[in-house]
Amino acid sequence: MPLAPPPARHHATPHLRELPAGTRLWRVHDRRFKATDFNPRPADANFGGGRFDGTGNDPYPYYYAGLEAETALAEALLRDIPFDDRGVRLVRRAKVRGRRASVVITTEDLVLVDLCSGEALAAVAQDSWLVHADPVDYHATRRWGSWIRERAPAAHGLIWPSKREGGQPALVLFGDRCSPASLIADPFAGTDLDDREGAAWLNGHLARYRACVLMPRRPG
């Protein structure tokens, strides 16, 4: 039901799923920020931003992640990249510059609104459009996300099937409902994405999606 506003008279009861303490999450982020940092910048109500970012009308910090490395990488790097005439997607080096793939671990049980099935979506008066909409419609998905938040005051975030890795879920956490200590970084996992070692690691994970990034030049 694209571009339809949330129903004013529907008393939705969202389906909830528990993300247990000790769950490992993968995140792709700017290296200037810590792996556990939420994004505090509200998205514009009408332009830019992500699927379920906070906005000026509902200004929560947000944190996107995946349960698998491939999910986080596909969601962060493969959006809007077409296949070329050889059936390959080339990730520009500018897209990985200054970025890192990190692992964090949840320190407490987190409750997520489940959007992973037709039944769960129907519980919030939606269908697959909500989780598969293209970026041009993200202004509308953000409004729906805020509406769902209102109807699930105990939820720490949302979980849904990744658009770019449909076999695995993606999730967003709400910074105004998660404690500052709810995530800790795993210092022994993850990699920078813009050096030669990171490019080799990245290409190993992206090969299944027929995607790759060029190796950086050797120094000197």
N, C-alpha and C. Protein backbone atom coordinates (compact mmCIF):
# COMPACT_ATOMS: atom_id res chain seq x y z
N MET A 1 0.84 -1.20 0.00
CA MET A 1 0.00 0.00 0.00
C MET A 1 0.88 1.25 0.00
N PRO A 2 1.63 1.48 -1.08
CA PRO A 2 2.56 2.60 -1.14
C PRO A 2 1.90 3.96 -1.04
N LEU A 3 2.58 4.83 -0.32
CA LEU A 3 2.20 6.23 -0.19
C LEU A 3 0.86 6.45 0.49
N ALA A 4 0.27 5.42 1.08
CA ALA A 4 -0.94 5.59 1.86
C ALA A 4 -0.55 6.00 3.28
N PRO A 5 -1.24 6.96 3.87
CA PRO A 5 -0.91 7.35 5.25
C PRO A 5 -1.35 6.26 6.23
N PRO A 6 -0.77 6.21 7.41
CA PRO A 6 -1.22 5.25 8.41
C PRO A 6 -2.69 5.46 8.74
N PRO A 7 -3.43 4.36 8.99
CA PRO A 7 -4.86 4.48 9.25
C PRO A 7 -5.15 5.13 10.59
N ALA A 8 -5.96 6.15 10.59
CA ALA A 8 -6.19 6.94 11.80
C ALA A 8 -6.96 6.18 12.86
N ARG A 9 -7.82 5.22 12.46
CA ARG A 9 -8.70 4.56 13.42
C ARG A 9 -8.29 3.11 13.72
N HIS A 10 -7.11 2.71 13.23
CA HIS A 10 -6.67 1.32 13.44
C HIS A 10 -5.86 1.23 14.73
N HIS A 11 -6.28 0.39 15.66
CA HIS A 11 -5.56 0.19 16.92
C HIS A 11 -4.64 -1.01 16.74
N ALA A 12 -3.49 -0.76 16.13
CA ALA A 12 -2.57 -1.84 15.77
C ALA A 12 -1.95 -2.47 17.01
N THR A 13 -1.71 -3.77 16.92
CA THR A 13 -0.97 -4.50 17.94
C THR A 13 0.22 -5.17 17.25
N PRO A 14 1.36 -4.48 17.17
CA PRO A 14 2.50 -5.02 16.43
C PRO A 14 2.99 -6.34 17.03
N HIS A 15 3.49 -7.21 16.14
CA HIS A 15 4.16 -8.42 16.60
C HIS A 15 5.54 -8.04 17.13
N LEU A 16 5.95 -8.68 18.20
CA LEU A 16 7.23 -8.37 18.83
C LEU A 16 8.13 -9.60 18.82
N ARG A 17 9.42 -9.34 18.72
CA ARG A 17 10.43 -10.40 18.73
C ARG A 17 11.56 -9.98 19.68
N GLU A 18 12.07 -10.92 20.44
CA GLU A 18 13.17 -10.61 21.35
C GLU A 18 14.50 -10.87 20.69
N LEU A 19 15.39 -9.89 20.80
CA LEU A 19 16.78 -10.05 20.38
C LEU A 19 17.58 -10.29 21.66
N PRO A 20 18.04 -11.52 21.91
CA PRO A 20 18.61 -11.81 23.23
C PRO A 20 19.96 -11.14 23.46
N ALA A 21 20.26 -10.91 24.73
CA ALA A 21 21.58 -10.43 25.11
C ALA A 21 22.63 -11.39 24.58
N GLY A 22 23.74 -10.83 24.12
CA GLY A 22 24.80 -11.64 23.54
C GLY A 22 24.72 -11.80 22.04
N THR A 23 23.69 -11.19 21.40
CA THR A 23 23.57 -11.26 19.94
C THR A 23 24.65 -10.40 19.28
N ARG A 24 25.29 -10.93 18.25
CA ARG A 24 26.30 -10.19 17.50
C ARG A 24 25.63 -9.48 16.33
N LEU A 25 25.93 -8.21 16.17
CA LEU A 25 25.40 -7.40 15.08
C LEU A 25 26.55 -6.83 14.26
N TRP A 26 26.35 -6.77 12.96
CA TRP A 26 27.33 -6.16 12.06
C TRP A 26 26.82 -4.79 11.63
N ARG A 27 27.77 -3.86 11.55
CA ARG A 27 27.43 -2.50 11.15
C ARG A 27 28.53 -1.93 10.27
N VAL A 28 28.15 -1.21 9.22
CA VAL A 28 29.10 -0.45 8.39
C VAL A 28 28.95 1.01 8.76
N HIS A 29 30.06 1.67 9.09
CA HIS A 29 29.97 3.03 9.61
C HIS A 29 31.21 3.83 9.24
N ASP A 30 31.07 5.13 9.33
CA ASP A 30 32.19 6.05 9.16
C ASP A 30 33.18 5.83 10.30
N ARG A 31 34.46 5.72 9.95
CA ARG A 31 35.48 5.42 10.96
C ARG A 31 35.66 6.54 11.97
N ARG A 32 35.14 7.72 11.69
CA ARG A 32 35.24 8.82 12.65
C ARG A 32 34.38 8.56 13.88
N PHE A 33 33.43 7.64 13.76
CA PHE A 33 32.52 7.35 14.86
C PHE A 33 32.76 5.95 15.41
N LYS A 34 32.43 5.75 16.67
CA LYS A 34 32.59 4.46 17.29
C LYS A 34 31.56 3.47 16.75
N ALA A 35 31.89 2.20 16.86
CA ALA A 35 30.99 1.16 16.36
C ALA A 35 29.65 1.18 17.06
N THR A 36 29.62 1.68 18.29
CA THR A 36 28.38 1.68 19.08
C THR A 36 27.60 2.99 18.99
N ASP A 37 28.11 3.97 18.25
CA ASP A 37 27.45 5.28 18.18
C ASP A 37 26.16 5.22 17.37
N PHE A 38 25.08 5.75 17.93
CA PHE A 38 23.84 5.96 17.19
C PHE A 38 23.97 7.24 16.38
N ASN A 39 23.25 7.31 15.27
CA ASN A 39 23.23 8.53 14.46
C ASN A 39 22.21 9.49 15.07
N PRO A 40 22.64 10.64 15.56
CA PRO A 40 21.70 11.54 16.23
C PRO A 40 21.04 12.55 15.30
N ARG A 41 21.41 12.52 14.01
CA ARG A 41 20.95 13.56 13.09
C ARG A 41 19.61 13.20 12.48
N PRO A 42 18.55 13.94 12.75
CA PRO A 42 17.25 13.62 12.15
C PRO A 42 17.29 13.78 10.64
N ALA A 43 16.60 12.90 9.95
CA ALA A 43 16.46 13.01 8.50
C ALA A 43 15.43 14.08 8.18
N ASP A 44 15.55 14.67 7.02
CA ASP A 44 14.52 15.58 6.54
C ASP A 44 13.22 14.80 6.38
N ALA A 45 12.11 15.44 6.69
CA ALA A 45 10.82 14.75 6.61
C ALA A 45 10.48 14.30 5.19
N ASN A 46 11.05 14.98 4.19
CA ASN A 46 10.66 14.71 2.80
C ASN A 46 11.78 14.26 1.88
N PHE A 47 13.04 14.51 2.24
CA PHE A 47 14.13 14.24 1.31
C PHE A 47 15.28 13.53 2.01
N GLY A 48 15.97 12.65 1.24
CA GLY A 48 17.15 11.98 1.76
C GLY A 48 16.81 11.04 2.91
N GLY A 49 17.86 10.63 3.62
CA GLY A 49 17.67 9.80 4.80
C GLY A 49 17.42 8.34 4.48
N GLY A 50 17.29 7.54 5.55
CA GLY A 50 17.10 6.11 5.42
C GLY A 50 15.66 5.69 5.66
N ARG A 51 15.43 4.39 5.58
CA ARG A 51 14.08 3.83 5.62
C ARG A 51 13.35 4.18 6.92
N PHE A 52 14.05 4.07 8.05
CA PHE A 52 13.38 4.29 9.33
C PHE A 52 14.16 5.25 10.22
N ASP A 53 14.77 6.27 9.62
CA ASP A 53 15.47 7.30 10.40
C ASP A 53 14.49 8.07 11.27
N GLY A 54 15.03 8.62 12.38
CA GLY A 54 14.27 9.61 13.11
C GLY A 54 14.16 10.89 12.29
N THR A 55 13.14 11.68 12.54
CA THR A 55 12.92 12.95 11.83
C THR A 55 12.68 14.06 12.84
N GLY A 56 12.51 15.27 12.34
CA GLY A 56 12.20 16.38 13.23
C GLY A 56 10.90 16.18 13.98
N ASN A 57 9.97 15.44 13.38
CA ASN A 57 8.69 15.17 14.04
C ASN A 57 8.79 14.06 15.08
N ASP A 58 9.80 13.22 14.97
CA ASP A 58 10.04 12.12 15.90
C ASP A 58 11.55 11.91 15.97
N PRO A 59 12.25 12.79 16.70
CA PRO A 59 13.71 12.88 16.59
C PRO A 59 14.48 11.89 17.47
N TYR A 60 14.36 10.61 17.15
CA TYR A 60 15.14 9.62 17.91
C TYR A 60 16.46 9.33 17.18
N PRO A 61 17.56 9.11 17.91
CA PRO A 61 18.78 8.60 17.29
C PRO A 61 18.53 7.18 16.78
N TYR A 62 19.22 6.77 15.73
CA TYR A 62 18.94 5.48 15.10
C TYR A 62 20.24 4.75 14.79
N TYR A 63 20.13 3.42 14.71
CA TYR A 63 21.30 2.56 14.55
C TYR A 63 20.90 1.39 13.67
N TYR A 64 21.41 1.36 12.42
CA TYR A 64 21.11 0.27 11.50
C TYR A 64 22.18 -0.82 11.61
N ALA A 65 21.75 -2.07 11.52
CA ALA A 65 22.69 -3.18 11.62
C ALA A 65 22.09 -4.41 10.95
N GLY A 66 22.91 -5.45 10.83
CA GLY A 66 22.45 -6.74 10.31
C GLY A 66 22.96 -7.84 11.22
N LEU A 67 22.30 -8.97 11.17
CA LEU A 67 22.74 -10.11 11.96
C LEU A 67 23.93 -10.82 11.32
N GLU A 68 24.15 -10.58 10.04
CA GLU A 68 25.26 -11.18 9.30
C GLU A 68 26.06 -10.07 8.62
N ALA A 69 27.35 -10.33 8.41
CA ALA A 69 28.20 -9.34 7.73
C ALA A 69 27.66 -9.01 6.36
N GLU A 70 27.23 -10.03 5.61
CA GLU A 70 26.76 -9.81 4.24
C GLU A 70 25.56 -8.88 4.20
N THR A 71 24.68 -8.99 5.19
CA THR A 71 23.50 -8.12 5.22
C THR A 71 23.91 -6.67 5.40
N ALA A 72 24.78 -6.41 6.38
CA ALA A 72 25.22 -5.04 6.63
C ALA A 72 25.94 -4.47 5.41
N LEU A 73 26.79 -5.27 4.77
CA LEU A 73 27.53 -4.80 3.60
C LEU A 73 26.60 -4.53 2.42
N ALA A 74 25.69 -5.46 2.16
CA ALA A 74 24.77 -5.28 1.03
C ALA A 74 23.89 -4.06 1.23
N GLU A 75 23.37 -3.87 2.45
CA GLU A 75 22.50 -2.73 2.71
C GLU A 75 23.27 -1.41 2.59
N ALA A 76 24.51 -1.39 3.04
CA ALA A 76 25.26 -0.13 3.05
C ALA A 76 25.90 0.20 1.71
N LEU A 77 26.30 -0.83 0.93
CA LEU A 77 27.14 -0.57 -0.23
C LEU A 77 26.48 -0.85 -1.58
N LEU A 78 25.44 -1.67 -1.63
CA LEU A 78 24.90 -2.08 -2.94
C LEU A 78 23.66 -1.34 -3.36
N ARG A 79 23.20 -0.41 -2.55
CA ARG A 79 22.01 0.35 -2.92
C ARG A 79 22.26 1.16 -4.19
N ASP A 80 21.36 1.03 -5.14
CA ASP A 80 21.37 1.82 -6.38
C ASP A 80 22.58 1.55 -7.28
N ILE A 81 23.28 0.43 -7.09
CA ILE A 81 24.38 0.09 -7.99
C ILE A 81 23.86 -0.91 -9.02
N PRO A 82 23.82 -0.55 -10.30
CA PRO A 82 23.29 -1.46 -11.32
C PRO A 82 24.32 -2.50 -11.73
N PHE A 83 23.87 -3.58 -12.32
CA PHE A 83 24.77 -4.56 -12.93
C PHE A 83 25.24 -4.01 -14.27
N ASP A 84 26.52 -4.22 -14.60
CA ASP A 84 27.01 -3.79 -15.90
C ASP A 84 26.71 -4.86 -16.94
N ASP A 85 27.25 -4.68 -18.17
CA ASP A 85 26.90 -5.61 -19.24
C ASP A 85 27.56 -6.98 -19.07
N ARG A 86 28.42 -7.13 -18.06
CA ARG A 86 28.98 -8.44 -17.71
C ARG A 86 28.27 -9.06 -16.51
N GLY A 87 27.22 -8.35 -16.03
CA GLY A 87 26.50 -8.86 -14.87
C GLY A 87 27.23 -8.68 -13.57
N VAL A 88 28.04 -7.62 -13.47
CA VAL A 88 28.84 -7.35 -12.27
C VAL A 88 28.45 -5.97 -11.73
N ARG A 89 28.48 -5.82 -10.42
CA ARG A 89 28.26 -4.52 -9.79
C ARG A 89 29.58 -4.03 -9.21
N LEU A 90 30.03 -2.87 -9.64
CA LEU A 90 31.30 -2.32 -9.18
C LEU A 90 31.04 -1.25 -8.12
N VAL A 91 31.55 -1.49 -6.92
CA VAL A 91 31.44 -0.53 -5.83
C VAL A 91 32.57 0.48 -5.95
N ARG A 92 32.24 1.74 -6.09
CA ARG A 92 33.26 2.78 -6.23
C ARG A 92 34.07 2.90 -4.94
N ARG A 93 35.35 3.18 -5.10
CA ARG A 93 36.21 3.29 -3.92
C ARG A 93 35.76 4.43 -3.00
N ALA A 94 35.15 5.45 -3.57
CA ALA A 94 34.66 6.55 -2.75
C ALA A 94 33.62 6.08 -1.74
N LYS A 95 32.94 4.98 -2.07
CA LYS A 95 31.88 4.49 -1.20
C LYS A 95 32.42 3.78 0.04
N VAL A 96 33.68 3.35 -0.01
CA VAL A 96 34.27 2.67 1.16
C VAL A 96 35.31 3.53 1.86
N ARG A 97 35.63 4.67 1.29
CA ARG A 97 36.68 5.51 1.87
C ARG A 97 36.29 5.96 3.28
N GLY A 98 37.16 5.71 4.23
CA GLY A 98 36.93 6.13 5.61
C GLY A 98 35.90 5.30 6.35
N ARG A 99 35.53 4.14 5.80
CA ARG A 99 34.48 3.35 6.42
C ARG A 99 35.02 2.03 6.97
N ARG A 100 34.27 1.49 7.91
CA ARG A 100 34.67 0.27 8.61
C ARG A 100 33.46 -0.64 8.80
N ALA A 101 33.69 -1.94 8.75
CA ALA A 101 32.69 -2.92 9.15
C ALA A 101 33.04 -3.37 10.56
N SER A 102 32.11 -3.20 11.49
CA SER A 102 32.37 -3.52 12.89
C SER A 102 31.34 -4.52 13.40
N VAL A 103 31.70 -5.17 14.49
CA VAL A 103 30.80 -6.08 15.19
C VAL A 103 30.54 -5.52 16.58
N VAL A 104 29.27 -5.48 16.97
CA VAL A 104 28.91 -5.12 18.33
C VAL A 104 28.08 -6.26 18.92
N ILE A 105 28.03 -6.30 20.23
CA ILE A 105 27.32 -7.35 20.95
C ILE A 105 26.29 -6.70 21.86
N THR A 106 25.07 -7.21 21.84
CA THR A 106 24.03 -6.68 22.73
C THR A 106 24.29 -7.16 24.15
N THR A 107 24.12 -6.27 25.12
CA THR A 107 24.37 -6.60 26.51
C THR A 107 23.09 -6.87 27.29
N GLU A 108 21.95 -6.67 26.66
CA GLU A 108 20.67 -6.92 27.31
C GLU A 108 19.67 -7.37 26.26
N ASP A 109 18.59 -8.01 26.71
CA ASP A 109 17.53 -8.41 25.79
C ASP A 109 16.87 -7.16 25.21
N LEU A 110 16.70 -7.14 23.89
CA LEU A 110 16.05 -6.02 23.22
C LEU A 110 14.78 -6.53 22.53
N VAL A 111 13.74 -5.74 22.58
CA VAL A 111 12.46 -6.09 21.97
C VAL A 111 12.31 -5.33 20.66
N LEU A 112 12.04 -6.06 19.58
CA LEU A 112 11.92 -5.45 18.25
C LEU A 112 10.53 -5.70 17.68
N VAL A 113 10.00 -4.72 16.97
CA VAL A 113 8.77 -4.94 16.21
C VAL A 113 9.13 -5.81 15.01
N ASP A 114 8.44 -6.93 14.88
CA ASP A 114 8.71 -7.90 13.82
C ASP A 114 7.95 -7.51 12.56
N LEU A 115 8.69 -7.27 11.48
CA LEU A 115 8.10 -6.95 10.17
C LEU A 115 8.56 -7.96 9.13
N CYS A 116 8.82 -9.20 9.57
CA CYS A 116 9.46 -10.20 8.72
C CYS A 116 8.50 -11.15 8.01
N SER A 117 7.21 -10.97 8.17
CA SER A 117 6.26 -11.85 7.50
C SER A 117 5.04 -11.05 7.07
N GLY A 118 4.26 -11.64 6.17
CA GLY A 118 3.03 -10.98 5.76
C GLY A 118 2.08 -10.77 6.92
N GLU A 119 2.02 -11.76 7.82
CA GLU A 119 1.15 -11.64 8.99
C GLU A 119 1.60 -10.51 9.90
N ALA A 120 2.92 -10.43 10.14
CA ALA A 120 3.44 -9.37 11.01
C ALA A 120 3.23 -7.99 10.40
N LEU A 121 3.40 -7.88 9.08
CA LEU A 121 3.16 -6.60 8.41
C LEU A 121 1.68 -6.23 8.46
N ALA A 122 0.82 -7.22 8.27
CA ALA A 122 -0.62 -6.95 8.32
C ALA A 122 -1.05 -6.46 9.70
N ALA A 123 -0.35 -6.88 10.74
CA ALA A 123 -0.69 -6.44 12.10
C ALA A 123 -0.52 -4.94 12.26
N VAL A 124 0.31 -4.33 11.41
CA VAL A 124 0.48 -2.87 11.44
C VAL A 124 -0.09 -2.25 10.16
N ALA A 125 -1.06 -2.95 9.54
CA ALA A 125 -1.79 -2.43 8.38
C ALA A 125 -0.88 -2.15 7.19
N GLN A 126 0.13 -2.99 7.01
CA GLN A 126 1.06 -2.80 5.89
C GLN A 126 1.28 -4.09 5.13
N ASP A 127 2.06 -3.99 4.04
CA ASP A 127 2.49 -5.16 3.29
C ASP A 127 3.96 -5.00 2.95
N SER A 128 4.46 -5.78 2.01
CA SER A 128 5.90 -5.79 1.74
C SER A 128 6.42 -4.46 1.22
N TRP A 129 5.53 -3.58 0.76
CA TRP A 129 6.00 -2.27 0.30
C TRP A 129 6.82 -1.56 1.38
N LEU A 130 6.40 -1.67 2.64
CA LEU A 130 7.06 -0.95 3.73
C LEU A 130 8.53 -1.29 3.83
N VAL A 131 8.87 -2.55 3.61
CA VAL A 131 10.26 -2.99 3.80
C VAL A 131 11.02 -3.15 2.47
N HIS A 132 10.31 -2.99 1.34
CA HIS A 132 10.96 -3.10 0.03
C HIS A 132 10.91 -1.80 -0.77
N ALA A 133 10.28 -0.77 -0.24
CA ALA A 133 10.17 0.50 -0.97
C ALA A 133 11.55 1.04 -1.33
N ASP A 134 11.65 1.69 -2.48
CA ASP A 134 12.90 2.32 -2.89
C ASP A 134 13.09 3.65 -2.16
N PRO A 135 14.33 4.18 -2.17
CA PRO A 135 14.61 5.41 -1.44
C PRO A 135 13.70 6.59 -1.76
N VAL A 136 13.14 6.64 -2.98
CA VAL A 136 12.25 7.75 -3.34
C VAL A 136 11.04 7.80 -2.41
N ASP A 137 10.71 6.69 -1.78
CA ASP A 137 9.55 6.63 -0.89
C ASP A 137 9.93 6.61 0.59
N TYR A 138 11.18 6.85 0.90
CA TYR A 138 11.60 6.75 2.31
C TYR A 138 10.94 7.81 3.19
N HIS A 139 10.54 8.94 2.61
CA HIS A 139 9.83 9.92 3.44
C HIS A 139 8.56 9.30 4.00
N ALA A 140 7.92 8.40 3.21
CA ALA A 140 6.69 7.75 3.65
C ALA A 140 6.98 6.60 4.62
N THR A 141 8.04 5.82 4.36
CA THR A 141 8.35 4.72 5.28
C THR A 141 8.77 5.27 6.64
N ARG A 142 9.41 6.44 6.65
CA ARG A 142 9.77 7.04 7.95
C ARG A 142 8.52 7.42 8.75
N ARG A 143 7.51 7.92 8.05
CA ARG A 143 6.27 8.25 8.74
C ARG A 143 5.61 7.00 9.31
N TRP A 144 5.62 5.92 8.52
CA TRP A 144 5.07 4.67 9.01
C TRP A 144 5.87 4.13 10.20
N GLY A 145 7.20 4.25 10.12
CA GLY A 145 8.03 3.80 11.23
C GLY A 145 7.70 4.52 12.52
N SER A 146 7.48 5.82 12.43
CA SER A 146 7.11 6.61 13.60
C SER A 146 5.75 6.19 14.14
N TRP A 147 4.81 5.92 13.24
CA TRP A 147 3.47 5.48 13.64
C TRP A 147 3.54 4.12 14.35
N ILE A 148 4.36 3.22 13.83
CA ILE A 148 4.52 1.91 14.46
C ILE A 148 5.17 2.06 15.83
N ARG A 149 6.16 2.95 15.95
CA ARG A 149 6.80 3.20 17.25
C ARG A 149 5.77 3.60 18.31
N GLU A 150 4.84 4.45 17.91
CA GLU A 150 3.82 4.92 18.86
C GLU A 150 2.97 3.76 19.37
N ARG A 151 2.78 2.74 18.55
CA ARG A 151 1.93 1.63 18.92
C ARG A 151 2.70 0.49 19.57
N ALA A 152 3.99 0.65 19.73
CA ALA A 152 4.82 -0.35 20.41
C ALA A 152 5.78 0.37 21.34
N PRO A 153 5.28 0.99 22.41
CA PRO A 153 6.13 1.82 23.26
C PRO A 153 7.24 1.05 23.98
N ALA A 154 7.11 -0.29 24.06
CA ALA A 154 8.15 -1.08 24.71
C ALA A 154 9.24 -1.53 23.74
N ALA A 155 9.05 -1.27 22.44
CA ALA A 155 10.00 -1.77 21.43
C ALA A 155 11.25 -0.92 21.39
N HIS A 156 12.39 -1.60 21.27
CA HIS A 156 13.68 -0.92 21.13
C HIS A 156 14.06 -0.69 19.67
N GLY A 157 13.27 -1.22 18.73
CA GLY A 157 13.59 -1.07 17.32
C GLY A 157 12.67 -1.88 16.45
N LEU A 158 13.05 -2.01 15.17
CA LEU A 158 12.29 -2.75 14.16
C LEU A 158 13.22 -3.75 13.49
N ILE A 159 12.66 -4.87 13.03
CA ILE A 159 13.44 -5.85 12.27
C ILE A 159 12.61 -6.27 11.06
N TRP A 160 13.25 -6.42 9.90
CA TRP A 160 12.54 -6.70 8.65
C TRP A 160 13.47 -7.45 7.69
N PRO A 161 12.94 -8.07 6.63
CA PRO A 161 13.80 -8.77 5.67
C PRO A 161 14.59 -7.75 4.84
N SER A 162 15.88 -7.90 4.81
CA SER A 162 16.73 -6.99 4.04
C SER A 162 16.29 -6.97 2.58
N LYS A 163 16.20 -5.78 2.02
CA LYS A 163 15.83 -5.64 0.61
C LYS A 163 16.93 -6.19 -0.30
N ARG A 164 18.18 -6.08 0.13
CA ARG A 164 19.31 -6.45 -0.73
C ARG A 164 19.91 -7.79 -0.35
N GLU A 165 19.51 -8.36 0.78
CA GLU A 165 19.92 -9.70 1.19
C GLU A 165 18.67 -10.36 1.77
N GLY A 166 17.74 -10.71 0.89
CA GLY A 166 16.42 -11.12 1.33
C GLY A 166 16.38 -12.32 2.24
N GLY A 167 17.49 -13.11 2.30
CA GLY A 167 17.49 -14.26 3.18
C GLY A 167 17.79 -13.93 4.62
N GLN A 168 18.17 -12.70 4.91
CA GLN A 168 18.56 -12.32 6.26
C GLN A 168 17.89 -11.01 6.65
N PRO A 169 17.63 -10.80 7.94
CA PRO A 169 16.98 -9.56 8.37
C PRO A 169 17.96 -8.41 8.60
N ALA A 170 17.46 -7.22 8.40
CA ALA A 170 18.13 -5.98 8.82
C ALA A 170 17.33 -5.42 9.99
N LEU A 171 17.95 -4.53 10.74
CA LEU A 171 17.24 -3.96 11.88
C LEU A 171 17.68 -2.53 12.14
N VAL A 172 16.83 -1.81 12.85
CA VAL A 172 17.17 -0.48 13.34
C VAL A 172 16.82 -0.43 14.81
N LEU A 173 17.71 0.18 15.60
CA LEU A 173 17.47 0.39 17.02
C LEU A 173 17.19 1.86 17.29
N PHE A 174 16.34 2.12 18.27
CA PHE A 174 15.95 3.47 18.64
C PHE A 174 16.82 3.94 19.81
N GLY A 175 17.57 5.01 19.59
CA GLY A 175 18.47 5.50 20.62
C GLY A 175 17.78 6.05 21.85
N ASP A 176 16.51 6.46 21.71
CA ASP A 176 15.81 7.00 22.88
C ASP A 176 15.20 5.90 23.73
N ARG A 177 15.34 4.64 23.29
CA ARG A 177 14.78 3.53 24.06
C ARG A 177 15.83 2.49 24.45
N CYS A 178 17.04 2.63 23.94
CA CYS A 178 18.13 1.73 24.30
C CYS A 178 19.05 2.44 25.30
N SER A 179 19.52 1.71 26.29
CA SER A 179 20.45 2.32 27.25
C SER A 179 21.79 2.54 26.58
N PRO A 180 22.59 3.50 27.06
CA PRO A 180 23.90 3.74 26.45
C PRO A 180 24.82 2.53 26.46
N ALA A 181 24.57 1.61 27.39
CA ALA A 181 25.43 0.43 27.51
C ALA A 181 24.83 -0.80 26.85
N SER A 182 23.80 -0.64 26.03
CA SER A 182 23.13 -1.81 25.45
C SER A 182 23.95 -2.48 24.35
N LEU A 183 24.96 -1.78 23.82
CA LEU A 183 25.85 -2.34 22.81
C LEU A 183 27.29 -2.16 23.24
N ILE A 184 28.10 -3.18 23.03
CA ILE A 184 29.55 -3.06 23.24
C ILE A 184 30.25 -3.56 21.98
N ALA A 185 31.37 -2.94 21.65
CA ALA A 185 32.11 -3.32 20.45
C ALA A 185 32.94 -4.57 20.71
N ASP A 186 33.04 -5.43 19.70
CA ASP A 186 33.95 -6.56 19.74
C ASP A 186 35.27 -6.10 19.13
N PRO A 187 36.31 -5.92 19.94
CA PRO A 187 37.57 -5.37 19.41
C PRO A 187 38.33 -6.32 18.51
N PHE A 188 37.92 -7.59 18.48
CA PHE A 188 38.66 -8.59 17.70
C PHE A 188 37.97 -8.94 16.39
N ALA A 189 36.91 -8.23 16.05
CA ALA A 189 36.17 -8.52 14.82
C ALA A 189 36.01 -7.23 14.01
N GLY A 190 35.83 -7.40 12.72
CA GLY A 190 35.62 -6.24 11.85
C GLY A 190 36.90 -5.82 11.15
N THR A 191 36.75 -4.89 10.20
CA THR A 191 37.89 -4.46 9.41
C THR A 191 37.61 -3.11 8.77
N ASP A 192 38.68 -2.32 8.57
CA ASP A 192 38.56 -1.14 7.73
C ASP A 192 38.32 -1.60 6.30
N LEU A 193 37.56 -0.82 5.55
CA LEU A 193 37.17 -1.24 4.20
C LEU A 193 37.96 -0.57 3.09
N ASP A 194 38.82 0.40 3.44
CA ASP A 194 39.45 1.19 2.38
C ASP A 194 40.92 0.90 2.17
N ASP A 195 41.48 -0.14 2.82
CA ASP A 195 42.85 -0.53 2.52
C ASP A 195 42.84 -1.85 1.75
N ARG A 196 44.01 -2.34 1.38
CA ARG A 196 44.07 -3.54 0.54
C ARG A 196 43.52 -4.77 1.28
N GLU A 197 43.85 -4.88 2.55
CA GLU A 197 43.34 -6.01 3.32
C GLU A 197 41.82 -5.95 3.41
N GLY A 198 41.30 -4.75 3.64
CA GLY A 198 39.85 -4.59 3.73
C GLY A 198 39.16 -4.87 2.40
N ALA A 199 39.79 -4.44 1.29
CA ALA A 199 39.19 -4.68 -0.03
C ALA A 199 39.12 -6.17 -0.32
N ALA A 200 40.18 -6.92 0.05
CA ALA A 200 40.18 -8.36 -0.17
C ALA A 200 39.09 -9.02 0.68
N TRP A 201 38.97 -8.59 1.93
CA TRP A 201 37.92 -9.13 2.82
C TRP A 201 36.55 -8.80 2.26
N LEU A 202 36.38 -7.56 1.83
CA LEU A 202 35.09 -7.13 1.31
C LEU A 202 34.71 -7.90 0.05
N ASN A 203 35.66 -8.08 -0.85
CA ASN A 203 35.35 -8.80 -2.09
C ASN A 203 35.01 -10.26 -1.83
N GLY A 204 35.60 -10.84 -0.79
CA GLY A 204 35.24 -12.19 -0.43
C GLY A 204 33.79 -12.31 -0.01
N HIS A 205 33.26 -11.28 0.66
CA HIS A 205 31.87 -11.29 1.11
C HIS A 205 30.90 -10.86 0.01
N LEU A 206 31.36 -10.00 -0.91
CA LEU A 206 30.46 -9.49 -1.95
C LEU A 206 30.41 -10.36 -3.19
N ALA A 207 31.31 -11.34 -3.30
CA ALA A 207 31.37 -12.15 -4.52
C ALA A 207 30.04 -12.84 -4.79
N ARG A 208 29.35 -13.27 -3.75
CA ARG A 208 28.08 -13.99 -3.96
C ARG A 208 27.01 -13.09 -4.55
N TYR A 209 27.20 -11.77 -4.44
CA TYR A 209 26.25 -10.82 -5.01
C TYR A 209 26.74 -10.26 -6.36
N ARG A 210 27.78 -10.89 -6.91
CA ARG A 210 28.40 -10.43 -8.15
C ARG A 210 28.74 -8.95 -8.05
N ALA A 211 29.40 -8.60 -6.95
CA ALA A 211 29.82 -7.23 -6.70
C ALA A 211 31.27 -7.24 -6.23
N CYS A 212 31.97 -6.15 -6.47
CA CYS A 212 33.36 -6.06 -6.03
C CYS A 212 33.77 -4.59 -5.96
N VAL A 213 34.87 -4.36 -5.25
CA VAL A 213 35.48 -3.04 -5.20
C VAL A 213 36.91 -3.19 -5.71
N LEU A 214 37.41 -2.21 -6.44
CA LEU A 214 38.78 -2.26 -6.95
C LEU A 214 39.77 -2.16 -5.79
N MET A 215 40.89 -2.84 -5.92
CA MET A 215 41.95 -2.74 -4.94
C MET A 215 42.58 -1.34 -4.97
N PRO A 216 42.91 -0.78 -3.79
CA PRO A 216 43.63 0.50 -3.81
C PRO A 216 45.05 0.30 -4.33
N ARG A 217 45.61 1.37 -4.82
CA ARG A 217 46.98 1.28 -5.33
C ARG A 217 47.94 1.03 -4.18
N ARG A 218 49.03 0.32 -4.47
CA ARG A 218 50.05 0.12 -3.46
C ARG A 218 50.79 1.43 -3.20
N PRO A 219 51.18 1.70 -1.95
CA PRO A 219 51.92 2.94 -1.67
C PRO A 219 53.19 3.02 -2.48
N GLY A 220 53.51 4.23 -2.94
CA GLY A 220 54.73 4.45 -3.68
C GLY A 220 54.63 4.00 -5.12
